[in-house]
Amino acid sequence: MGGDHGPAVTIPAAISFVGREREAELILVGPVELIQAELRRLNAASHPRLSVVNATEVVTMEDSLEVALRRKKDSSMRVAISLVQDGRANACVSAGNTGALMAVSRYVLKTMPGVDRPAICTLIPNQKDRPTYMLDLGANVDCSPLHLHQFALMGSALVSAIEGKKQPTIGLLNIGAEDIKGNDLVKQTAALLRADHARGVLNFYGNVEGNDIFEGTTDIVVCDGFVGNVVLKASEGLGRFVKNTLTAEFKRTPLNMLGALIARGAIKAFSRRMNPSRYNGASLLGLRGLVFKSHGGTDAYGYEWAIRRAFDAAKFDVLTQISASIAALMPQAERAAPTEDQLTPADLQQQKIA
């Protein structure tokens, strides 16, 4: 029900995905009559691997975190996350309000032992034709060195599980590669990561700059949520700008159109690599359950990629691998997650997305 388009995007994406992936079973959560009407329109009302679970409320993009968490207890978002908690679903995918998704997920699923705050991690394309994993991308606007340190540990565990790399390289996003550069947050975090590197716990490359994200200098780039969200939105905007500009220029004159015809193979390959929809689907890392966030403005093609990421994570039991890795890397006493009444306005404000 979330995102800019709701069922008009999510349901076609679900139908397409189960058509491609024979092992997949998807549960569509929301007002049952509305969903069933859309399924009938798309001739998929009787699909054997699509089921519907009713939810009477919907979290809107305008709802505050307090409303999503405390008032709309039968929202499609909360019901879907509860299905993961109850073991009826292996993962949840949502295109809805990101701050609400994080708050509800944290309350319902709780965080892993040793994790103070979940982080949003996604894939960004680079020149080496493989993804750069980057976190946090907006879940935590204000962070301490301890939080960035935990993000690095979680990112390392995730990439190790998904990519099969025992110790992926970690870069700390900064305004320069030199140790003397950066604010106190970055400098103090770097000291923690260097200590882990010396102990052989993490493979800390050092400080990296913005251009290193797309050059693929490291497997993982760590930053606070404010910086990460700005980088993500700027990157998506730049990708669309480049694509639209090239398209306009190739159509400008007959000679340009001829050049485009000759180079159509390269143009298609370029467009495919630059298409942000292929990298849609961010993991809410650090929870005791798999939750993936789709971009709210994506189309059915992009939403299907988000479903794919969640499906693959469940299929390869990434959560168990991450839990085991984090337990080894962060051998701390389990911290009790806050109850609904204990979540203060400050806690909720902290999770707002830029």
Protein backbone atom coordinates (compact mmCIF):
# COMPACT_ATOMS: atom_id res chain seq x y z
CA MET A 1 0.00 0.00 0.00
CA GLY A 2 2.99 2.31 0.32
CA GLY A 3 5.00 4.50 -1.99
CA ASP A 4 3.83 7.01 -4.53
CA HIS A 5 1.73 4.51 -6.49
CA GLY A 6 0.64 1.76 -4.07
CA PRO A 7 -1.05 -1.34 -5.54
CA ALA A 8 -0.71 -0.01 -9.10
CA VAL A 9 3.03 -0.78 -8.79
CA THR A 10 3.39 -3.33 -6.01
CA ILE A 11 0.85 -5.86 -7.25
CA PRO A 12 2.08 -6.02 -10.88
CA ALA A 13 5.61 -6.39 -9.48
CA ALA A 14 4.47 -9.26 -7.25
CA ILE A 15 2.72 -11.03 -10.12
CA SER A 16 5.78 -10.64 -12.33
CA PHE A 17 8.12 -11.92 -9.65
CA VAL A 18 6.19 -15.10 -8.85
CA GLY A 19 6.04 -15.71 -12.59
CA ARG A 20 9.84 -15.60 -12.78
CA GLU A 21 10.63 -17.30 -9.46
CA ARG A 22 8.91 -20.65 -9.03
CA GLU A 23 9.94 -21.02 -5.39
CA ALA A 24 8.42 -17.72 -4.31
CA GLU A 25 5.20 -17.30 -2.36
CA LEU A 26 4.09 -13.73 -1.73
CA ILE A 27 1.62 -12.38 0.81
CA LEU A 28 -0.06 -9.12 -0.19
CA VAL A 29 -1.03 -7.07 2.86
CA GLY A 30 -3.68 -4.33 2.83
CA PRO A 31 -7.43 -3.76 2.42
CA VAL A 32 -8.48 -7.13 1.08
CA GLU A 33 -11.23 -5.89 -1.26
CA LEU A 34 -8.93 -3.36 -2.91
CA ILE A 35 -6.15 -5.91 -3.42
CA GLN A 36 -8.47 -8.59 -4.75
CA ALA A 37 -9.99 -6.11 -7.19
CA GLU A 38 -6.52 -5.30 -8.54
CA LEU A 39 -5.66 -8.98 -8.79
CA ARG A 40 -8.85 -9.62 -10.76
CA ARG A 41 -8.03 -6.73 -13.08
CA LEU A 42 -4.66 -8.34 -13.76
CA ASN A 43 -6.15 -11.85 -14.15
CA ALA A 44 -4.25 -13.15 -11.11
CA ALA A 45 -7.03 -13.55 -8.55
CA SER A 46 -6.57 -17.32 -8.33
CA HIS A 47 -2.78 -17.46 -8.48
CA PRO A 48 -1.70 -20.35 -6.20
CA ARG A 49 1.38 -18.54 -4.83
CA LEU A 50 -0.24 -15.19 -4.11
CA SER A 51 -2.29 -14.76 -0.94
CA VAL A 52 -3.88 -11.76 0.77
CA VAL A 53 -3.86 -10.75 4.43
CA ASN A 54 -6.27 -8.00 5.43
CA ALA A 55 -5.20 -4.76 7.10
CA THR A 56 -7.71 -2.03 7.82
CA GLU A 57 -5.30 0.92 8.04
CA VAL A 58 -2.53 2.42 5.93
CA VAL A 59 0.45 4.49 7.07
CA THR A 60 0.66 7.52 4.80
CA MET A 61 3.76 9.54 3.93
CA GLU A 62 2.35 12.40 6.02
CA ASP A 63 1.81 10.34 9.18
CA SER A 64 4.11 11.09 12.09
CA LEU A 65 6.08 8.25 13.64
CA GLU A 66 3.88 8.43 16.74
CA VAL A 67 0.77 7.86 14.60
CA ALA A 68 2.34 4.94 12.73
CA LEU A 69 3.58 3.28 15.89
CA ARG A 70 0.87 3.95 18.46
CA ARG A 71 -2.38 4.68 16.65
CA LYS A 72 -2.38 2.63 13.44
CA LYS A 73 -1.83 -0.79 14.96
CA ASP A 74 -3.66 -2.53 12.11
CA SER A 75 -1.77 -0.79 9.33
CA SER A 76 -0.57 -2.85 6.37
CA MET A 77 2.99 -1.99 7.38
CA ARG A 78 2.63 -3.29 10.93
CA VAL A 79 0.70 -6.38 9.89
CA ALA A 80 3.36 -7.26 7.31
CA ILE A 81 6.18 -6.88 9.83
CA SER A 82 4.20 -8.93 12.35
CA LEU A 83 4.00 -11.74 9.78
CA VAL A 84 7.81 -11.85 9.84
CA GLN A 85 7.84 -11.83 13.62
CA ASP A 86 5.35 -14.71 13.74
CA GLY A 87 7.30 -16.76 11.21
CA ARG A 88 4.53 -16.67 8.62
CA ALA A 89 6.78 -14.72 6.28
CA ASN A 90 10.54 -14.83 5.80
CA ALA A 91 10.88 -11.16 4.87
CA CYS A 92 8.92 -7.93 4.52
CA VAL A 93 9.14 -5.49 1.59
CA SER A 94 7.64 -2.01 1.80
CA ALA A 95 7.73 1.16 -0.28
CA GLY A 96 6.07 3.17 2.47
CA ASN A 97 7.12 5.87 4.92
CA THR A 98 10.76 5.04 5.71
CA GLY A 99 10.83 6.55 9.18
CA ALA A 100 7.65 4.72 10.12
CA LEU A 101 8.95 1.46 8.66
CA MET A 102 12.11 1.72 10.73
CA ALA A 103 10.26 2.63 13.94
CA VAL A 104 7.65 -0.11 13.61
CA SER A 105 10.23 -2.70 12.58
CA ARG A 106 12.42 -1.82 15.53
CA TYR A 107 9.52 -2.09 17.95
CA VAL A 108 8.00 -5.30 16.57
CA LEU A 109 11.13 -7.25 15.62
CA LYS A 110 13.63 -5.75 18.09
CA THR A 111 17.31 -5.29 17.32
CA MET A 112 20.02 -7.92 17.35
CA PRO A 113 22.11 -8.28 20.51
CA GLY A 114 24.77 -5.59 20.66
CA VAL A 115 23.08 -3.33 18.09
CA ASP A 116 21.90 0.07 19.35
CA ARG A 117 20.29 1.32 16.13
CA PRO A 118 19.36 -0.37 12.86
CA ALA A 119 20.82 1.13 9.68
CA ILE A 120 19.68 1.34 6.08
CA CYS A 121 22.09 -0.36 3.69
CA THR A 122 21.80 -0.41 -0.08
CA LEU A 123 23.82 -1.14 -3.20
CA ILE A 124 25.35 1.57 -5.39
CA PRO A 125 26.88 0.78 -8.81
CA ASN A 126 30.57 1.38 -9.39
CA GLN A 127 33.12 1.30 -12.20
CA LYS A 128 34.14 -2.25 -11.39
CA ASP A 129 30.66 -3.46 -12.38
CA ARG A 130 29.92 -4.69 -8.88
CA PRO A 131 28.05 -2.98 -6.07
CA THR A 132 29.37 -0.75 -3.33
CA TYR A 133 27.42 -1.37 -0.13
CA MET A 134 26.72 1.87 1.71
CA LEU A 135 25.22 2.57 5.12
CA ASP A 136 23.60 4.37 6.86
CA LEU A 137 21.36 6.02 4.26
CA GLY A 138 18.93 7.90 6.46
CA ALA A 139 17.78 5.90 9.47
CA ASN A 140 20.02 7.78 11.90
CA VAL A 141 20.59 11.47 11.24
CA ASP A 142 22.77 12.05 14.31
CA CYS A 143 25.28 9.35 15.18
CA SER A 144 28.04 8.70 17.68
CA PRO A 145 31.33 6.93 16.88
CA LEU A 146 29.89 3.80 18.52
CA HIS A 147 26.99 3.80 16.07
CA LEU A 148 29.22 4.17 13.00
CA HIS A 149 31.43 1.43 14.41
CA GLN A 150 28.40 -0.86 14.66
CA PHE A 151 27.36 0.05 11.10
CA ALA A 152 30.79 -1.06 9.89
CA LEU A 153 30.48 -4.36 11.74
CA MET A 154 26.97 -5.00 10.39
CA GLY A 155 28.00 -4.05 6.87
CA SER A 156 30.97 -6.39 7.02
CA ALA A 157 28.75 -9.24 8.19
CA LEU A 158 26.19 -8.56 5.44
CA VAL A 159 28.69 -8.41 2.57
CA SER A 160 30.51 -11.46 3.89
CA ALA A 161 27.23 -13.41 3.87
CA ILE A 162 25.95 -12.21 0.48
CA GLU A 163 29.15 -11.85 -1.53
CA GLY A 164 31.10 -14.68 0.09
CA LYS A 165 34.00 -12.40 1.08
CA LYS A 166 35.53 -13.36 4.40
CA GLN A 167 36.72 -9.84 5.22
CA PRO A 168 35.34 -7.20 2.84
CA THR A 169 37.07 -3.84 2.75
CA ILE A 170 35.51 -0.97 4.68
CA GLY A 171 35.91 2.73 3.91
CA LEU A 172 34.87 5.59 6.19
CA LEU A 173 33.36 8.47 4.19
CA ASN A 174 35.30 11.68 4.78
CA ILE A 175 36.30 14.94 3.09
CA GLY A 176 39.79 13.60 2.54
CA ALA A 177 41.85 10.43 2.81
CA GLU A 178 44.25 11.86 5.38
CA ASP A 179 43.78 10.91 9.03
CA ILE A 180 43.93 14.55 10.13
CA LYS A 181 40.87 15.51 8.04
CA GLY A 182 37.24 15.30 9.05
CA ASN A 183 35.14 16.16 12.06
CA ASP A 184 35.39 14.60 15.51
CA LEU A 185 32.80 11.95 14.64
CA VAL A 186 34.83 10.65 11.71
CA LYS A 187 38.17 10.83 13.55
CA GLN A 188 36.90 8.97 16.60
CA THR A 189 35.19 6.34 14.43
CA ALA A 190 38.37 5.86 12.43
CA ALA A 191 40.27 5.17 15.65
CA LEU A 192 37.79 2.41 16.56
CA LEU A 193 38.01 0.86 13.10
CA ARG A 194 41.80 1.00 13.04
CA ALA A 195 41.86 -0.82 16.37
CA ASP A 196 39.60 -3.54 14.93
CA HIS A 197 41.82 -3.77 11.85
CA ALA A 198 44.89 -4.24 14.03
CA ARG A 199 43.12 -7.08 15.88
CA GLY A 200 42.09 -8.70 12.60
CA VAL A 201 38.38 -8.20 13.27
CA LEU A 202 37.68 -5.86 10.33
CA ASN A 203 39.41 -5.06 7.06
CA PHE A 204 39.50 -1.26 7.43
CA TYR A 205 40.83 0.43 4.29
CA GLY A 206 40.77 3.92 5.79
CA ASN A 207 39.08 7.17 4.89
CA VAL A 208 37.45 7.40 1.47
CA GLU A 209 35.95 10.32 -0.44
CA GLY A 210 32.75 10.63 -2.44
CA ASN A 211 34.37 9.62 -5.72
CA ASP A 212 35.57 6.35 -4.15
CA ILE A 213 31.95 5.19 -3.86
CA PHE A 214 31.61 4.96 -7.63
CA GLU A 215 35.19 3.87 -8.27
CA GLY A 216 34.62 0.79 -6.11
CA THR A 217 37.61 1.53 -3.90
CA THR A 218 36.07 -0.44 -1.02
CA ASP A 219 33.30 -3.02 -0.70
CA ILE A 220 31.56 -0.99 2.01
CA VAL A 221 31.28 2.73 2.70
CA VAL A 222 30.19 3.84 6.18
CA CYS A 223 28.72 7.24 7.08
CA ASP A 224 25.97 8.78 9.20
CA GLY A 225 22.41 8.79 7.92
CA PHE A 226 22.32 12.51 7.08
CA VAL A 227 25.33 12.33 4.77
CA GLY A 228 24.29 8.97 3.35
CA ASN A 229 20.81 10.12 2.42
CA VAL A 230 22.15 13.22 0.67
CA VAL A 231 24.65 11.09 -1.28
CA LEU A 232 21.95 8.61 -2.29
CA LYS A 233 19.46 11.23 -3.49
CA ALA A 234 22.17 13.19 -5.32
CA SER A 235 23.39 10.00 -7.03
CA GLU A 236 19.90 9.06 -8.16
CA GLY A 237 19.30 12.57 -9.46
CA LEU A 238 22.60 12.59 -11.33
CA GLY A 239 21.84 9.25 -12.94
CA ARG A 240 18.48 10.49 -14.22
CA PHE A 241 20.04 13.78 -15.36
CA VAL A 242 22.73 12.02 -17.40
CA LYS A 243 20.26 9.61 -18.96
CA ASN A 244 17.71 12.31 -19.85
CA THR A 245 20.40 14.64 -21.21
CA LEU A 246 21.87 11.96 -23.46
CA THR A 247 18.40 11.04 -24.71
CA ALA A 248 17.59 14.68 -25.51
CA GLU A 249 20.90 15.25 -27.30
CA PHE A 250 20.60 12.12 -29.43
CA LYS A 251 17.16 13.30 -30.58
CA ARG A 252 18.26 16.86 -31.30
CA THR A 253 19.42 16.44 -34.92
CA PRO A 254 19.16 13.77 -37.65
CA LEU A 255 22.93 13.25 -37.45
CA ASN A 256 22.74 12.70 -33.71
CA MET A 257 19.88 10.25 -34.23
CA LEU A 258 22.02 8.33 -36.72
CA GLY A 259 24.84 8.22 -34.19
CA ALA A 260 22.43 6.92 -31.58
CA LEU A 261 21.29 4.20 -33.99
CA ILE A 262 24.88 3.11 -34.59
CA ALA A 263 25.69 3.15 -30.89
CA ARG A 264 22.39 1.69 -29.67
CA GLY A 265 24.05 -1.37 -28.16
CA ALA A 266 26.41 0.72 -26.05
CA ILE A 267 23.59 3.10 -25.12
CA LYS A 268 21.41 0.24 -23.91
CA ALA A 269 24.26 -1.16 -21.84
CA PHE A 270 24.97 2.28 -20.39
CA SER A 271 21.31 2.84 -19.57
CA ARG A 272 21.10 -0.56 -17.89
CA ARG A 273 24.12 0.11 -15.67
CA MET A 274 22.91 3.59 -14.75
CA ASN A 275 19.30 2.59 -14.07
CA PRO A 276 18.72 3.12 -10.31
CA SER A 277 15.79 0.68 -10.39
CA ARG A 278 18.26 -2.22 -10.71
CA TYR A 279 19.67 -1.31 -7.29
CA ASN A 280 16.33 -0.77 -5.57
CA GLY A 281 15.76 -2.50 -2.26
CA ALA A 282 17.59 -1.39 0.87
CA SER A 283 18.05 -3.66 3.87
CA LEU A 284 17.12 -2.47 7.36
CA LEU A 285 20.19 -3.93 8.95
CA GLY A 286 20.44 -4.91 12.61
CA LEU A 287 16.88 -6.21 13.14
CA ARG A 288 15.85 -9.71 14.20
CA GLY A 289 14.04 -10.15 10.93
CA LEU A 290 14.45 -9.29 7.26
CA VAL A 291 12.89 -5.98 6.23
CA PHE A 292 13.60 -4.31 2.89
CA LYS A 293 12.73 -0.77 1.88
CA SER A 294 11.84 0.05 -1.71
CA HIS A 295 12.12 3.56 -3.07
CA GLY A 296 8.69 5.16 -2.85
CA GLY A 297 8.76 6.53 -6.37
CA THR A 298 9.91 3.38 -8.14
CA ASP A 299 8.02 1.60 -10.91
CA ALA A 300 7.00 -2.06 -11.02
CA TYR A 301 10.41 -3.02 -12.46
CA GLY A 302 12.20 -1.38 -9.54
CA TYR A 303 9.84 -2.82 -6.93
CA GLU A 304 10.39 -6.28 -8.36
CA TRP A 305 14.12 -5.81 -7.71
CA ALA A 306 13.33 -5.00 -4.07
CA ILE A 307 11.34 -8.24 -3.83
CA ARG A 308 14.27 -10.08 -5.41
CA ARG A 309 16.70 -8.78 -2.79
CA ALA A 310 14.41 -9.83 0.05
CA PHE A 311 13.79 -13.24 -1.52
CA ASP A 312 17.50 -13.92 -2.02
CA ALA A 313 18.29 -12.82 1.53
CA ALA A 314 15.69 -15.26 2.87
CA LYS A 315 16.67 -18.06 0.50
CA PHE A 316 20.33 -17.95 1.52
CA ASP A 317 19.52 -17.47 5.22
CA VAL A 318 21.43 -14.20 5.39
CA LEU A 319 19.84 -13.26 8.72
CA THR A 320 21.34 -16.27 10.51
CA GLN A 321 24.76 -15.58 9.03
CA ILE A 322 24.63 -11.91 9.99
CA SER A 323 23.45 -12.76 13.51
CA ALA A 324 26.32 -15.18 13.98
CA SER A 325 28.87 -12.74 12.60
CA ILE A 326 27.62 -9.84 14.70
CA ALA A 327 27.56 -12.00 17.82
CA ALA A 328 31.21 -12.81 17.22
CA LEU A 329 32.20 -9.26 16.31
CA MET A 330 30.15 -7.53 19.00
CA PRO A 331 30.21 -9.81 22.06
CA GLN A 332 28.12 -7.51 24.21
CA ALA A 333 25.31 -8.23 26.61
CA GLU A 334 21.94 -8.15 24.93
CA ARG A 335 20.20 -4.84 25.32
CA ALA A 336 16.46 -4.88 25.77
CA ALA A 337 14.69 -3.06 22.96
CA PRO A 338 12.42 -0.23 24.10
CA THR A 339 8.75 -0.97 24.57
CA GLU A 340 6.15 1.13 22.81
CA ASP A 341 5.57 3.29 25.89
CA GLN A 342 9.30 3.75 26.41
CA LEU A 343 9.88 5.16 22.94
CA THR A 344 10.23 8.87 23.58
CA PRO A 345 9.62 11.64 21.03
CA ALA A 346 13.40 12.03 20.90
CA ASP A 347 13.78 8.35 19.96
CA LEU A 348 11.22 8.74 17.21
CA GLN A 349 12.69 12.02 15.98
CA GLN A 350 16.11 10.36 15.71
CA GLN A 351 14.77 7.93 13.11
CA LYS A 352 13.31 10.55 10.78
CA ILE A 353 14.53 10.44 7.23
CA ALA A 354 16.05 13.46 5.53
